[in-house]
Amino acid sequence: MGRLRHFFRLSALRDDLETRLLVREYRLLLLDDHFDDGTDSELRARCAELSNELCSGRYRHL
């Protein structure tokens, strides 16, 4: 059961990242001025965190 829960957790994280990236893309398309609100660094950190977890082959029990 732990692996299935891990799969659903990773799926939820992926969906969250996809949504955030889409919001960022739409913001860049609609706004003329680019401003740094910390979203880029937050997305990079979340992607790196998720990538490290996937590469390590480990998962944590919640």
PDB file of N, CA and C in Angstrom:
ATOM      1  N   MET A   1       0.809  -1.194   0.000  1.00  0.00           N
ATOM      2  CA  MET A   1       0.000   0.000   0.000  1.00  0.00           C
ATOM      3  C   MET A   1       0.860   1.270   0.000  1.00  0.00           C
ATOM      4  N   GLY A   2       2.067   1.165   0.545  1.00  0.00           N
ATOM      5  CA  GLY A   2       2.944   2.324   0.623  1.00  0.00           C
ATOM      6  C   GLY A   2       3.371   2.824  -0.751  1.00  0.00           C
ATOM      7  N   ARG A   3       3.615   1.894  -1.669  1.00  0.00           N
ATOM      8  CA  ARG A   3       4.035   2.311  -3.008  1.00  0.00           C
ATOM      9  C   ARG A   3       2.901   3.010  -3.757  1.00  0.00           C
ATOM     10  N   LEU A   4       1.693   2.532  -3.560  1.00  0.00           N
ATOM     11  CA  LEU A   4       0.547   3.167  -4.211  1.00  0.00           C
ATOM     12  C   LEU A   4       0.338   4.573  -3.667  1.00  0.00           C
ATOM     13  N   ARG A   5       0.472   4.718  -2.372  1.00  0.00           N
ATOM     14  CA  ARG A   5       0.352   6.044  -1.756  1.00  0.00           C
ATOM     15  C   ARG A   5       1.456   6.966  -2.255  1.00  0.00           C
ATOM     16  N   HIS A   6       2.659   6.417  -2.410  1.00  0.00           N
ATOM     17  CA  HIS A   6       3.788   7.198  -2.938  1.00  0.00           C
ATOM     18  C   HIS A   6       3.500   7.643  -4.372  1.00  0.00           C
ATOM     19  N   PHE A   7       2.955   6.742  -5.181  1.00  0.00           N
ATOM     20  CA  PHE A   7       2.594   7.076  -6.555  1.00  0.00           C
ATOM     21  C   PHE A   7       1.592   8.232  -6.595  1.00  0.00           C
ATOM     22  N   PHE A   8       0.559   8.161  -5.769  1.00  0.00           N
ATOM     23  CA  PHE A   8      -0.452   9.221  -5.752  1.00  0.00           C
ATOM     24  C   PHE A   8       0.126  10.530  -5.234  1.00  0.00           C
ATOM     25  N   ARG A   9       1.049  10.442  -4.277  1.00  0.00           N
ATOM     26  CA  ARG A   9       1.695  11.657  -3.772  1.00  0.00           C
ATOM     27  C   ARG A   9       2.517  12.323  -4.871  1.00  0.00           C
ATOM     28  N   LEU A  10       3.307  11.519  -5.603  1.00  0.00           N
ATOM     29  CA  LEU A  10       4.105  12.073  -6.690  1.00  0.00           C
ATOM     30  C   LEU A  10       3.218  12.626  -7.807  1.00  0.00           C
ATOM     31  N   SER A  11       2.109  11.970  -8.071  1.00  0.00           N
ATOM     32  CA  SER A  11       1.170  12.471  -9.080  1.00  0.00           C
ATOM     33  C   SER A  11       0.593  13.816  -8.672  1.00  0.00           C
ATOM     34  N   ALA A  12       0.260  13.948  -7.404  1.00  0.00           N
ATOM     35  CA  ALA A  12      -0.278  15.221  -6.908  1.00  0.00           C
ATOM     36  C   ALA A  12       0.779  16.318  -6.994  1.00  0.00           C
ATOM     37  N   LEU A  13       2.028  15.993  -6.659  1.00  0.00           N
ATOM     38  CA  LEU A  13       3.108  16.981  -6.766  1.00  0.00           C
ATOM     39  C   LEU A  13       3.326  17.395  -8.219  1.00  0.00           C
ATOM     40  N   ARG A  14       3.270  16.433  -9.122  1.00  0.00           N
ATOM     41  CA  ARG A  14       3.422  16.735 -10.546  1.00  0.00           C
ATOM     42  C   ARG A  14       2.301  17.657 -11.026  1.00  0.00           C
ATOM     43  N   ASP A  15       1.077  17.356 -10.626  1.00  0.00           N
ATOM     44  CA  ASP A  15      -0.050  18.196 -11.023  1.00  0.00           C
ATOM     45  C   ASP A  15       0.096  19.617 -10.485  1.00  0.00           C
ATOM     46  N   ASP A  16       0.571  19.727  -9.250  1.00  0.00           N
ATOM     47  CA  ASP A  16       0.779  21.045  -8.653  1.00  0.00           C
ATOM     48  C   ASP A  16       1.838  21.826  -9.418  1.00  0.00           C
ATOM     49  N   LEU A  17       2.940  21.168  -9.764  1.00  0.00           N
ATOM     50  CA  LEU A  17       3.994  21.846 -10.523  1.00  0.00           C
ATOM     51  C   LEU A  17       3.521  22.244 -11.916  1.00  0.00           C
ATOM     52  N   GLU A  18       2.772  21.380 -12.573  1.00  0.00           N
ATOM     53  CA  GLU A  18       2.244  21.718 -13.895  1.00  0.00           C
ATOM     54  C   GLU A  18       1.338  22.942 -13.823  1.00  0.00           C
ATOM     55  N   THR A  19       0.499  22.988 -12.817  1.00  0.00           N
ATOM     56  CA  THR A  19      -0.400  24.133 -12.653  1.00  0.00           C
ATOM     57  C   THR A  19       0.385  25.412 -12.422  1.00  0.00           C
ATOM     58  N   ARG A  20       1.391  25.341 -11.556  1.00  0.00           N
ATOM     59  CA  ARG A  20       2.208  26.528 -11.284  1.00  0.00           C
ATOM     60  C   ARG A  20       2.958  26.999 -12.526  1.00  0.00           C
ATOM     61  N   LEU A  21       3.481  26.045 -13.300  1.00  0.00           N
ATOM     62  CA  LEU A  21       4.186  26.416 -14.522  1.00  0.00           C
ATOM     63  C   LEU A  21       3.248  27.048 -15.543  1.00  0.00           C
ATOM     64  N   LEU A  22       2.029  26.525 -15.659  1.00  0.00           N
ATOM     65  CA  LEU A  22       1.054  27.121 -16.574  1.00  0.00           C
ATOM     66  C   LEU A  22       0.694  28.538 -16.149  1.00  0.00           C
ATOM     67  N   VAL A  23       0.499  28.735 -14.855  1.00  0.00           N
ATOM     68  CA  VAL A  23       0.193  30.083 -14.348  1.00  0.00           C
ATOM     69  C   VAL A  23       1.339  31.027 -14.671  1.00  0.00           C
ATOM     70  N   ARG A  24       2.571  30.551 -14.490  1.00  0.00           N
ATOM     71  CA  ARG A  24       3.737  31.390 -14.791  1.00  0.00           C
ATOM     72  C   ARG A  24       3.783  31.740 -16.279  1.00  0.00           C
ATOM     73  N   GLU A  25       3.532  30.747 -17.144  1.00  0.00           N
ATOM     74  CA  GLU A  25       3.545  31.013 -18.580  1.00  0.00           C
ATOM     75  C   GLU A  25       2.459  32.007 -18.980  1.00  0.00           C
ATOM     76  N   TYR A  26       1.265  31.830 -18.455  1.00  0.00           N
ATOM     77  CA  TYR A  26       0.184  32.769 -18.771  1.00  0.00           C
ATOM     78  C   TYR A  26       0.517  34.170 -18.282  1.00  0.00           C
ATOM     79  N   ARG A  27       1.123  34.254 -17.099  1.00  0.00           N
ATOM     80  CA  ARG A  27       1.495  35.558 -16.561  1.00  0.00           C
ATOM     81  C   ARG A  27       2.510  36.240 -17.476  1.00  0.00           C
ATOM     82  N   LEU A  28       3.491  35.465 -17.953  1.00  0.00           N
ATOM     83  CA  LEU A  28       4.496  36.040 -18.848  1.00  0.00           C
ATOM     84  C   LEU A  28       3.891  36.472 -20.179  1.00  0.00           C
ATOM     85  N   LEU A  29       2.892  35.731 -20.655  1.00  0.00           N
ATOM     86  CA  LEU A  29       2.246  36.086 -21.914  1.00  0.00           C
ATOM     87  C   LEU A  29       1.371  37.332 -21.786  1.00  0.00           C
ATOM     88  N   LEU A  30       0.683  37.463 -20.663  1.00  0.00           N
ATOM     89  CA  LEU A  30      -0.289  38.537 -20.508  1.00  0.00           C
ATOM     90  C   LEU A  30       0.303  39.844 -19.997  1.00  0.00           C
ATOM     91  N   LEU A  31       1.361  39.753 -19.234  1.00  0.00           N
ATOM     92  CA  LEU A  31       1.954  40.965 -18.658  1.00  0.00           C
ATOM     93  C   LEU A  31       3.129  41.428 -19.500  1.00  0.00           C
ATOM     94  N   ASP A  32       3.202  42.711 -19.732  1.00  0.00           N
ATOM     95  CA  ASP A  32       4.313  43.274 -20.491  1.00  0.00           C
ATOM     96  C   ASP A  32       5.595  43.330 -19.670  1.00  0.00           C
ATOM     97  N   ASP A  33       5.459  43.648 -18.404  1.00  0.00           N
ATOM     98  CA  ASP A  33       6.635  43.787 -17.539  1.00  0.00           C
ATOM     99  C   ASP A  33       6.883  42.485 -16.790  1.00  0.00           C
ATOM    100  N   HIS A  34       8.140  42.098 -16.758  1.00  0.00           N
ATOM    101  CA  HIS A  34       8.508  40.924 -15.983  1.00  0.00           C
ATOM    102  C   HIS A  34       8.971  41.392 -14.610  1.00  0.00           C
ATOM    103  N   PHE A  35       8.406  40.826 -13.588  1.00  0.00           N
ATOM    104  CA  PHE A  35       8.830  41.167 -12.234  1.00  0.00           C
ATOM    105  C   PHE A  35       9.123  39.887 -11.478  1.00  0.00           C
ATOM    106  N   ASP A  36      10.062  39.967 -10.579  1.00  0.00           N
ATOM    107  CA  ASP A  36      10.482  38.803  -9.811  1.00  0.00           C
ATOM    108  C   ASP A  36       9.743  38.788  -8.483  1.00  0.00           C
ATOM    109  N   ASP A  37       8.813  37.842  -8.365  1.00  0.00           N
ATOM    110  CA  ASP A  37       8.062  37.713  -7.125  1.00  0.00           C
ATOM    111  C   ASP A  37       8.454  36.454  -6.356  1.00  0.00           C
ATOM    112  N   GLY A  38       9.546  35.816  -6.778  1.00  0.00           N
ATOM    113  CA  GLY A  38      10.019  34.620  -6.100  1.00  0.00           C
ATOM    114  C   GLY A  38       9.462  33.323  -6.660  1.00  0.00           C
ATOM    115  N   THR A  39       8.552  33.427  -7.630  1.00  0.00           N
ATOM    116  CA  THR A  39       7.930  32.243  -8.196  1.00  0.00           C
ATOM    117  C   THR A  39       8.941  31.374  -8.926  1.00  0.00           C
ATOM    118  N   ASP A  40       9.829  31.991  -9.685  1.00  0.00           N
ATOM    119  CA  ASP A  40      10.828  31.223 -10.442  1.00  0.00           C
ATOM    120  C   ASP A  40      11.719  30.401  -9.517  1.00  0.00           C
ATOM    121  N   SER A  41      12.224  31.023  -8.475  1.00  0.00           N
ATOM    122  CA  SER A  41      13.115  30.296  -7.563  1.00  0.00           C
ATOM    123  C   SER A  41      12.355  29.216  -6.800  1.00  0.00           C
ATOM    124  N   GLU A  42      11.101  29.483  -6.460  1.00  0.00           N
ATOM    125  CA  GLU A  42      10.290  28.478  -5.777  1.00  0.00           C
ATOM    126  C   GLU A  42      10.045  27.270  -6.684  1.00  0.00           C
ATOM    127  N   LEU A  43       9.734  27.532  -7.955  1.00  0.00           N
ATOM    128  CA  LEU A  43       9.504  26.440  -8.894  1.00  0.00           C
ATOM    129  C   LEU A  43      10.780  25.631  -9.124  1.00  0.00           C
ATOM    130  N   ARG A  44      11.916  26.301  -9.228  1.00  0.00           N
ATOM    131  CA  ARG A  44      13.181  25.588  -9.399  1.00  0.00           C
ATOM    132  C   ARG A  44      13.472  24.692  -8.203  1.00  0.00           C
ATOM    133  N   ALA A  45      13.234  25.213  -7.018  1.00  0.00           N
ATOM    134  CA  ALA A  45      13.488  24.445  -5.803  1.00  0.00           C
ATOM    135  C   ALA A  45      12.567  23.229  -5.720  1.00  0.00           C
ATOM    136  N   ARG A  46      11.287  23.417  -6.040  1.00  0.00           N
ATOM    137  CA  ARG A  46      10.333  22.301  -5.999  1.00  0.00           C
ATOM    138  C   ARG A  46      10.687  21.246  -7.043  1.00  0.00           C
ATOM    139  N   CYS A  47      11.080  21.666  -8.243  1.00  0.00           N
ATOM    140  CA  CYS A  47      11.476  20.719  -9.294  1.00  0.00           C
ATOM    141  C   CYS A  47      12.721  19.946  -8.878  1.00  0.00           C
ATOM    142  N   ALA A  48      13.692  20.625  -8.299  1.00  0.00           N
ATOM    143  CA  ALA A  48      14.908  19.965  -7.848  1.00  0.00           C
ATOM    144  C   ALA A  48      14.605  18.976  -6.722  1.00  0.00           C
ATOM    145  N   GLU A  49      13.739  19.359  -5.819  1.00  0.00           N
ATOM    146  CA  GLU A  49      13.357  18.482  -4.712  1.00  0.00           C
ATOM    147  C   GLU A  49      12.674  17.215  -5.232  1.00  0.00           C
ATOM    148  N   LEU A  50      11.745  17.392  -6.138  1.00  0.00           N
ATOM    149  CA  LEU A  50      11.030  16.253  -6.703  1.00  0.00           C
ATOM    150  C   LEU A  50      11.964  15.381  -7.535  1.00  0.00           C
ATOM    151  N   SER A  51      12.846  16.000  -8.296  1.00  0.00           N
ATOM    152  CA  SER A  51      13.803  15.255  -9.097  1.00  0.00           C
ATOM    153  C   SER A  51      14.732  14.425  -8.223  1.00  0.00           C
ATOM    154  N   ASN A  52      15.221  15.009  -7.144  1.00  0.00           N
ATOM    155  CA  ASN A  52      16.094  14.281  -6.225  1.00  0.00           C
ATOM    156  C   ASN A  52      15.370  13.087  -5.615  1.00  0.00           C
ATOM    157  N   GLU A  53      14.115  13.283  -5.262  1.00  0.00           N
ATOM    158  CA  GLU A  53      13.343  12.189  -4.675  1.00  0.00           C
ATOM    159  C   GLU A  53      13.139  11.063  -5.686  1.00  0.00           C
ATOM    160  N   LEU A  54      12.844  11.424  -6.924  1.00  0.00           N
ATOM    161  CA  LEU A  54      12.643  10.403  -7.950  1.00  0.00           C
ATOM    162  C   LEU A  54      13.936   9.657  -8.263  1.00  0.00           C
ATOM    163  N   CYS A  55      15.041  10.370  -8.314  1.00  0.00           N
ATOM    164  CA  CYS A  55      16.321   9.754  -8.648  1.00  0.00           C
ATOM    165  C   CYS A  55      16.852   8.876  -7.532  1.00  0.00           C
ATOM    166  N   SER A  56      16.520   9.217  -6.312  1.00  0.00           N
ATOM    167  CA  SER A  56      17.053   8.464  -5.181  1.00  0.00           C
ATOM    168  C   SER A  56      16.376   7.105  -5.031  1.00  0.00           C
ATOM    169  N   GLY A  57      15.178   6.968  -5.566  1.00  0.00           N
ATOM    170  CA  GLY A  57      14.466   5.710  -5.437  1.00  0.00           C
ATOM    171  C   GLY A  57      13.872   5.512  -4.057  1.00  0.00           C
ATOM    172  N   ARG A  58      13.983   6.523  -3.219  1.00  0.00           N
ATOM    173  CA  ARG A  58      13.443   6.444  -1.872  1.00  0.00           C
ATOM    174  C   ARG A  58      12.097   7.154  -1.828  1.00  0.00           C
ATOM    175  N   TYR A  59      11.353   6.824  -0.837  1.00  0.00           N
ATOM    176  CA  TYR A  59      10.143   7.582  -0.565  1.00  0.00           C
ATOM    177  C   TYR A  59       9.908   7.572   0.932  1.00  0.00           C
ATOM    178  N   ARG A  60       9.244   8.585   1.376  1.00  0.00           N
ATOM    179  CA  ARG A  60       9.009   8.681   2.803  1.00  0.00           C
ATOM    180  C   ARG A  60       7.564   8.320   3.095  1.00  0.00           C
ATOM    181  N   HIS A  61       7.390   7.697   4.221  1.00  0.00           N
ATOM    182  CA  HIS A  61       6.039   7.356   4.652  1.00  0.00           C
ATOM    183  C   HIS A  61       5.424   8.558   5.332  1.00  0.00           C
ATOM    184  N   LEU A  62       4.191   8.844   5.007  1.00  0.00           N
ATOM    185  CA  LEU A  62       3.509   9.996   5.608  1.00  0.00           C
ATOM    186  C   LEU A  62       2.681   9.556   6.779  1.00  0.00           C
TER     187      LEU A  62
END
